[in-house]
Amino acid sequence: MTRETPAGKRRRREQLSDFLRARRARLTPGDVGMASAGRRRTPGLRREEVAVLAGVGVSWYTWLEQGRDINVSTEVLDAIARALRLSEPERVHLYLLAGLNPPRPGGGRDTEVSPELRHLLDAWMPRPAILRDRYWNLLAINDATRTVFGYDDVDHNCLVSFFTNARYRGMHVQWESAAPAVVAAFRATTAHFTDDPEFDRVVGELSAASPEFAELWARHEVGSPPQTVKAVRHPEAGDLFFDTTTLAVTDRPHWYLELYNPRAGTGTAGRVERLLGGRLAAHA
């Protein structure tokens, strides 16, 4: 985690102060079910009204809004978020300005893929495209991914398939050299969610299924996803080379879109088009 400078900390507190005042000013007592008593010199709720709604002391809330260096908890921030009727993005923003890690969305994992995202994957044809979550679960793939990389209906997780899908492994030209970097990248991801048991489940099940993964996981190596060329030796199309770009889906926390683009000068684009054949007409 990057160490915060004194100037950065001061600026963050100033932004927290401005944010809380702005959110308080947009609400009226009637908006939150409170009676309006007396004449108000400024619009919005008073500090003491927010404190009552959140169940915190008036002095403590005043210090928070003033940007003072005080301890805050997730429970209190959630209470303030409810009192101020904050949206989910605003709630995340409040956590960041208070110096805490943003909360994970509640209510379980949202795996509903929008028609717009599915259309984007299909529109990337004849190039492979993958939509995955933070656990590297496959949320959606296009036909090119199935045909070029050898994914089928039993594949549900990128990491699991990397180690257990025999067809995928057989086509991956640099599998042995890439495996340590893949595991190191997944370990780096897990460090951001140390209290999330889903990562433990993925690691436990894959360790039982793949001694190779278990050995690499035991090394405790950490790294960033390598930005290298993905090389595939397809049984029908021959050697294929792709540049990979990973994009975050801004309205779905911890969803990622992986787009594979045929590397220029390798003849990959033409071989992929011929391989997919009639599938292209269906997406025209």
Protein backbone atom coordinates (compact mmCIF):
# COMPACT_ATOMS: atom_id res chain seq x y z
CA MET A 1 0.00 0.00 0.00
CA THR A 2 1.34 3.43 -0.93
CA ARG A 3 2.32 5.55 2.08
CA GLU A 4 0.24 8.71 2.28
CA THR A 5 2.17 11.98 2.49
CA PRO A 6 1.17 14.64 5.06
CA ALA A 7 0.06 16.91 2.23
CA GLY A 8 -2.01 14.13 0.66
CA LYS A 9 -3.62 13.31 3.99
CA ARG A 10 -4.49 16.96 4.55
CA ARG A 11 -5.98 17.25 1.08
CA ARG A 12 -8.02 14.07 1.60
CA ARG A 13 -9.50 15.45 4.83
CA GLU A 14 -10.35 18.72 3.12
CA GLN A 15 -12.19 16.79 0.43
CA LEU A 16 -13.99 14.75 3.09
CA SER A 17 -15.13 17.96 4.77
CA ASP A 18 -16.40 19.44 1.51
CA PHE A 19 -18.12 16.20 0.52
CA LEU A 20 -20.01 15.79 3.80
CA ARG A 21 -21.16 19.41 3.81
CA ALA A 22 -22.37 19.12 0.21
CA ARG A 23 -24.27 15.89 0.86
CA ARG A 24 -25.83 17.36 4.02
CA ALA A 25 -26.90 20.54 2.18
CA ARG A 26 -28.90 18.67 -0.44
CA LEU A 27 -31.28 17.10 2.10
CA THR A 28 -34.18 18.64 4.01
CA PRO A 29 -35.66 17.39 7.29
CA GLY A 30 -38.68 16.23 5.31
CA ASP A 31 -36.45 14.06 3.10
CA VAL A 32 -35.37 12.03 6.12
CA GLY A 33 -38.67 12.05 8.02
CA MET A 34 -37.78 14.75 10.53
CA ALA A 35 -39.88 17.73 11.48
CA SER A 36 -38.54 21.12 10.44
CA ALA A 37 -38.32 23.39 13.48
CA GLY A 38 -37.36 27.05 13.38
CA ARG A 39 -35.95 29.23 10.67
CA ARG A 40 -32.87 27.93 8.82
CA ARG A 41 -30.09 30.24 7.77
CA THR A 42 -28.62 27.66 5.38
CA PRO A 43 -30.23 24.94 3.28
CA GLY A 44 -30.07 21.29 4.18
CA LEU A 45 -29.78 19.30 7.36
CA ARG A 46 -27.96 20.57 10.43
CA ARG A 47 -24.96 18.70 11.78
CA GLU A 48 -26.84 17.67 14.91
CA GLU A 49 -29.62 16.21 12.75
CA VAL A 50 -27.15 14.06 10.81
CA ALA A 51 -25.61 12.94 14.09
CA VAL A 52 -29.00 11.90 15.44
CA LEU A 53 -29.87 10.01 12.26
CA ALA A 54 -26.50 8.23 12.28
CA GLY A 55 -26.55 7.52 16.02
CA VAL A 56 -23.23 9.29 16.73
CA GLY A 57 -22.26 12.17 18.98
CA VAL A 58 -22.72 15.69 17.64
CA SER A 59 -19.17 16.67 18.58
CA TRP A 60 -17.73 13.56 16.89
CA TYR A 61 -19.66 14.18 13.69
CA THR A 62 -18.61 17.85 13.74
CA TRP A 63 -14.96 16.83 14.03
CA LEU A 64 -15.39 14.38 11.14
CA GLU A 65 -16.96 17.04 8.93
CA GLN A 66 -14.20 19.46 9.90
CA GLY A 67 -11.64 16.96 8.65
CA ARG A 68 -9.98 16.36 12.00
CA ASP A 69 -7.69 13.38 12.54
CA ILE A 70 -10.09 11.01 14.32
CA ASN A 71 -10.65 7.26 14.21
CA VAL A 72 -13.56 6.03 12.14
CA SER A 73 -15.06 2.57 11.75
CA THR A 74 -16.88 0.94 8.87
CA GLU A 75 -20.03 0.68 11.00
CA VAL A 76 -20.10 4.42 11.68
CA LEU A 77 -19.37 5.30 8.05
CA ASP A 78 -22.23 3.07 6.94
CA ALA A 79 -24.53 4.78 9.45
CA ILE A 80 -23.53 8.21 8.10
CA ALA A 81 -24.01 6.97 4.53
CA ARG A 82 -27.54 5.88 5.39
CA ALA A 83 -28.29 9.15 7.19
CA LEU A 84 -27.14 11.18 4.19
CA ARG A 85 -28.91 8.87 1.69
CA LEU A 86 -25.67 8.19 -0.17
CA SER A 87 -25.68 6.11 -3.34
CA GLU A 88 -23.31 3.14 -3.59
CA PRO A 89 -20.64 5.14 -5.51
CA GLU A 90 -20.96 7.93 -2.94
CA ARG A 91 -20.58 5.42 -0.11
CA VAL A 92 -17.38 4.10 -1.68
CA HIS A 93 -16.16 7.69 -2.07
CA LEU A 94 -16.87 8.34 1.62
CA TYR A 95 -14.74 5.35 2.62
CA LEU A 96 -11.84 6.50 0.47
CA LEU A 97 -11.94 10.05 1.80
CA ALA A 98 -12.07 8.67 5.36
CA GLY A 99 -8.91 6.66 4.66
CA LEU A 100 -10.52 3.19 4.68
CA ASN A 101 -10.69 0.49 2.04
CA PRO A 102 -13.98 0.70 0.12
CA PRO A 103 -16.59 -1.89 1.07
CA ARG A 104 -17.46 -4.75 -1.20
CA PRO A 105 -20.97 -4.56 -2.61
CA GLY A 106 -23.38 -6.39 -0.32
CA GLY A 107 -25.91 -9.06 -1.07
CA GLY A 108 -23.67 -11.63 -2.71
CA ARG A 109 -21.96 -11.66 -6.06
CA ASP A 110 -23.71 -9.98 -8.95
CA THR A 111 -23.02 -12.10 -12.02
CA GLU A 112 -25.78 -10.74 -14.25
CA VAL A 113 -24.03 -9.75 -17.48
CA SER A 114 -25.77 -6.90 -19.25
CA PRO A 115 -26.83 -7.22 -22.91
CA GLU A 116 -24.46 -4.34 -23.71
CA LEU A 117 -21.45 -6.25 -22.39
CA ARG A 118 -22.46 -9.41 -24.22
CA HIS A 119 -22.86 -7.40 -27.41
CA LEU A 120 -19.39 -5.93 -26.92
CA LEU A 121 -17.86 -9.41 -26.64
CA ASP A 122 -19.69 -10.55 -29.76
CA ALA A 123 -18.73 -7.37 -31.61
CA TRP A 124 -15.06 -8.15 -30.94
CA MET A 125 -15.38 -11.19 -33.22
CA PRO A 126 -13.42 -12.72 -34.86
CA ARG A 127 -11.01 -11.84 -32.07
CA PRO A 128 -11.22 -13.59 -28.68
CA ALA A 129 -12.73 -11.69 -25.73
CA ILE A 130 -13.31 -12.69 -22.10
CA LEU A 131 -15.29 -11.09 -19.28
CA ARG A 132 -14.11 -12.28 -15.84
CA ASP A 133 -14.49 -11.31 -12.20
CA ARG A 134 -11.88 -10.80 -9.46
CA TYR A 135 -11.79 -14.56 -8.76
CA TRP A 136 -10.95 -15.06 -12.46
CA ASN A 137 -14.32 -16.72 -12.97
CA LEU A 138 -15.49 -16.61 -16.57
CA LEU A 139 -18.64 -14.50 -16.72
CA ALA A 140 -18.94 -14.47 -20.51
CA ILE A 141 -16.83 -15.35 -23.56
CA ASN A 142 -17.34 -15.07 -27.30
CA ASP A 143 -17.19 -17.82 -29.92
CA ALA A 144 -13.64 -16.89 -30.91
CA THR A 145 -12.47 -17.62 -27.35
CA ARG A 146 -14.02 -21.08 -27.51
CA THR A 147 -12.56 -21.89 -30.91
CA VAL A 148 -9.12 -20.29 -30.60
CA PHE A 149 -8.28 -21.03 -26.95
CA GLY A 150 -10.10 -24.32 -26.56
CA TYR A 151 -12.60 -23.30 -23.88
CA ASP A 152 -15.79 -25.35 -23.63
CA ASP A 153 -18.88 -25.50 -21.45
CA VAL A 154 -17.05 -27.00 -18.46
CA ASP A 155 -14.60 -24.11 -18.22
CA HIS A 156 -15.68 -21.67 -15.52
CA ASN A 157 -12.47 -20.10 -14.23
CA CYS A 158 -9.42 -18.80 -16.13
CA LEU A 159 -6.93 -20.03 -13.52
CA VAL A 160 -8.51 -23.47 -13.17
CA SER A 161 -8.63 -23.90 -16.96
CA PHE A 162 -5.00 -22.79 -17.29
CA PHE A 163 -3.95 -25.79 -15.20
CA THR A 164 -6.64 -28.40 -15.89
CA ASN A 165 -7.89 -27.92 -19.47
CA ALA A 166 -5.72 -30.33 -21.44
CA ARG A 167 -6.63 -28.83 -24.81
CA TYR A 168 -5.77 -25.32 -23.64
CA ARG A 169 -2.47 -26.44 -22.14
CA GLY A 170 -1.57 -28.35 -25.26
CA MET A 171 -2.07 -25.27 -27.46
CA HIS A 172 -0.31 -22.78 -25.16
CA VAL A 173 3.18 -22.46 -26.62
CA GLN A 174 4.72 -20.86 -23.52
CA TRP A 175 2.69 -22.68 -20.85
CA GLU A 176 5.59 -23.78 -18.63
CA SER A 177 7.28 -20.38 -18.63
CA ALA A 178 3.98 -18.51 -18.17
CA ALA A 179 2.63 -20.62 -15.29
CA PRO A 180 4.71 -19.04 -12.46
CA ALA A 181 3.72 -15.52 -13.56
CA VAL A 182 0.05 -16.48 -13.77
CA VAL A 183 0.05 -17.85 -10.22
CA ALA A 184 2.00 -14.84 -8.92
CA ALA A 185 -0.57 -12.49 -10.46
CA PHE A 186 -3.45 -14.38 -8.84
CA ARG A 187 -1.73 -14.24 -5.43
CA ALA A 188 -1.31 -10.48 -5.83
CA THR A 189 -5.06 -10.22 -6.44
CA THR A 190 -5.92 -12.21 -3.30
CA ALA A 191 -3.92 -9.81 -1.10
CA HIS A 192 -6.58 -7.14 -1.70
CA PHE A 193 -9.31 -9.41 -0.29
CA THR A 194 -7.76 -11.26 2.64
CA ASP A 195 -11.14 -11.83 4.29
CA ASP A 196 -12.85 -13.24 1.20
CA PRO A 197 -13.29 -17.02 1.51
CA GLU A 198 -14.03 -17.44 -2.20
CA PHE A 199 -10.32 -17.07 -3.01
CA ASP A 200 -9.52 -19.80 -0.48
CA ARG A 201 -12.08 -22.05 -2.15
CA VAL A 202 -10.55 -21.54 -5.62
CA VAL A 203 -7.02 -22.14 -4.32
CA GLY A 204 -8.03 -25.19 -2.27
CA GLU A 205 -9.91 -26.92 -5.07
CA LEU A 206 -7.23 -26.19 -7.67
CA SER A 207 -4.44 -27.32 -5.32
CA ALA A 208 -6.22 -30.64 -4.93
CA ALA A 209 -6.68 -31.01 -8.69
CA SER A 210 -3.26 -29.79 -9.84
CA PRO A 211 0.03 -30.62 -8.05
CA GLU A 212 1.74 -28.16 -10.41
CA PHE A 213 -0.43 -25.32 -9.15
CA ALA A 214 0.04 -26.40 -5.52
CA GLU A 215 3.82 -26.33 -5.95
CA LEU A 216 3.79 -22.87 -7.55
CA TRP A 217 1.33 -21.51 -4.96
CA ALA A 218 3.64 -22.67 -2.16
CA ARG A 219 6.40 -20.41 -3.50
CA HIS A 220 4.46 -17.30 -2.38
CA GLU A 221 5.64 -15.36 -5.40
CA VAL A 222 3.77 -12.12 -6.18
CA GLY A 223 3.66 -10.22 -9.44
CA SER A 224 1.57 -8.18 -11.84
CA PRO A 225 -0.20 -9.79 -14.80
CA PRO A 226 2.46 -10.00 -17.50
CA GLN A 227 1.80 -7.86 -20.58
CA THR A 228 3.28 -10.36 -23.01
CA VAL A 229 2.23 -11.77 -26.33
CA LYS A 230 -0.13 -14.73 -25.99
CA ALA A 231 1.07 -17.48 -28.30
CA VAL A 232 -1.22 -20.36 -29.28
CA ARG A 233 -0.41 -23.34 -31.50
CA HIS A 234 -3.84 -24.24 -32.82
CA PRO A 235 -4.23 -27.74 -34.31
CA GLU A 236 -6.03 -26.35 -37.37
CA ALA A 237 -4.85 -22.75 -37.76
CA GLY A 238 -1.22 -23.13 -36.71
CA ASP A 239 0.70 -20.56 -34.68
CA LEU A 240 -1.40 -17.60 -33.49
CA PHE A 241 -0.12 -14.53 -31.64
CA PHE A 242 -2.22 -12.02 -29.72
CA ASP A 243 -1.62 -8.77 -27.87
CA THR A 244 -3.73 -8.68 -24.69
CA THR A 245 -5.46 -5.62 -23.23
CA THR A 246 -7.30 -5.82 -19.88
CA LEU A 247 -9.92 -3.18 -19.13
CA ALA A 248 -11.84 -2.60 -15.88
CA VAL A 249 -15.64 -2.41 -16.08
CA THR A 250 -16.31 0.81 -14.19
CA ASP A 251 -19.91 0.11 -13.15
CA ARG A 252 -19.13 -3.44 -11.98
CA PRO A 253 -16.42 -3.44 -9.28
CA HIS A 254 -13.75 -6.07 -9.95
CA TRP A 255 -15.02 -7.13 -13.36
CA TYR A 256 -12.44 -7.16 -16.16
CA LEU A 257 -12.67 -7.35 -19.92
CA GLU A 258 -9.77 -9.10 -21.66
CA LEU A 259 -9.47 -8.31 -25.35
CA TYR A 260 -7.12 -10.26 -27.60
CA ASN A 261 -5.91 -8.54 -30.75
CA PRO A 262 -4.00 -10.44 -33.48
CA ARG A 263 -0.38 -9.31 -33.48
CA ALA A 264 0.53 -7.35 -36.58
CA GLY A 265 2.88 -9.01 -39.05
CA THR A 266 2.22 -12.56 -37.87
CA GLY A 267 -0.62 -13.51 -40.21
CA THR A 268 -2.76 -14.31 -37.17
CA ALA A 269 -5.74 -12.20 -38.22
CA GLY A 270 -6.21 -14.04 -41.50
CA ARG A 271 -5.76 -17.48 -39.98
CA VAL A 272 -8.30 -16.73 -37.25
CA GLU A 273 -10.85 -15.49 -39.80
CA ARG A 274 -10.47 -18.65 -41.85
CA LEU A 275 -10.68 -20.80 -38.72
CA LEU A 276 -13.95 -19.25 -37.58
CA GLY A 277 -15.46 -19.39 -41.04
CA GLY A 278 -19.24 -19.24 -40.94
CA ARG A 279 -19.35 -17.85 -37.39
CA LEU A 280 -18.37 -14.44 -38.75
CA ALA A 281 -21.49 -14.21 -40.89
CA ALA A 282 -23.65 -14.82 -37.84
CA HIS A 283 -22.16 -11.77 -36.12
CA ALA A 284 -22.07 -9.50 -39.18
